[in-house]
Amino acid sequence: MNEVLADVEKARKEYEPLISPGEERKLANVMSRAWESYFPMSQKVMA
């Protein structure tokens, strides 16, 4: 699981500077908030 998390974080960091302002930025922000909510819960479930 740590390897997957590292891959996700790496991909997010690489993608971040490529995000266009406007609609793409809004969608990226929604996705980021969703991930930040999802991940801690998934860790609890898997524990």
Protein backbone atom coordinates (compact mmCIF):
# COMPACT_ATOMS: atom_id res chain seq x y z
CA MET A 1 0.00 0.00 0.00
CA ASN A 2 2.86 2.40 0.73
CA GLU A 3 4.17 1.93 -2.79
CA VAL A 4 0.78 2.79 -4.27
CA LEU A 5 0.50 5.86 -2.06
CA ALA A 6 3.97 7.00 -3.13
CA ASP A 7 3.00 6.55 -6.79
CA VAL A 8 -0.19 8.57 -6.31
CA GLU A 9 1.64 11.38 -4.55
CA LYS A 10 4.33 11.45 -7.21
CA ALA A 11 1.73 11.63 -9.97
CA ARG A 12 -0.14 14.42 -8.20
CA LYS A 13 3.04 16.47 -7.78
CA GLU A 14 3.97 16.00 -11.43
CA TYR A 15 0.49 16.91 -12.64
CA GLU A 16 0.00 19.95 -10.39
CA PRO A 17 2.04 22.45 -12.48
CA LEU A 18 0.24 21.34 -15.64
CA ILE A 19 -3.24 22.20 -14.40
CA SER A 20 -4.90 24.96 -16.38
CA PRO A 21 -6.75 27.73 -14.56
CA GLY A 22 -10.52 27.64 -14.65
CA GLU A 23 -12.50 24.44 -14.97
CA GLU A 24 -9.51 22.09 -14.81
CA ARG A 25 -8.29 23.78 -11.61
CA LYS A 26 -11.76 23.43 -10.08
CA LEU A 27 -11.88 19.73 -10.94
CA ALA A 28 -8.37 19.17 -9.62
CA ASN A 29 -9.33 20.86 -6.34
CA VAL A 30 -12.44 18.67 -6.03
CA MET A 31 -10.35 15.57 -6.69
CA SER A 32 -7.73 16.63 -4.17
CA ARG A 33 -10.33 17.20 -1.44
CA ALA A 34 -11.99 13.87 -2.26
CA TRP A 35 -8.67 12.04 -2.01
CA GLU A 36 -7.85 13.74 1.29
CA SER A 37 -11.18 12.51 2.68
CA TYR A 38 -11.02 9.05 1.14
CA PHE A 39 -7.49 8.03 2.00
CA PRO A 40 -7.63 8.30 5.82
CA MET A 41 -10.92 6.40 5.84
CA SER A 42 -9.53 3.66 3.64
CA GLN A 43 -6.59 3.28 6.03
CA LYS A 44 -8.99 2.79 8.95
CA VAL A 45 -10.99 0.19 7.04
CA MET A 46 -7.89 -1.74 6.03
CA ALA A 47 -6.40 -1.68 9.56
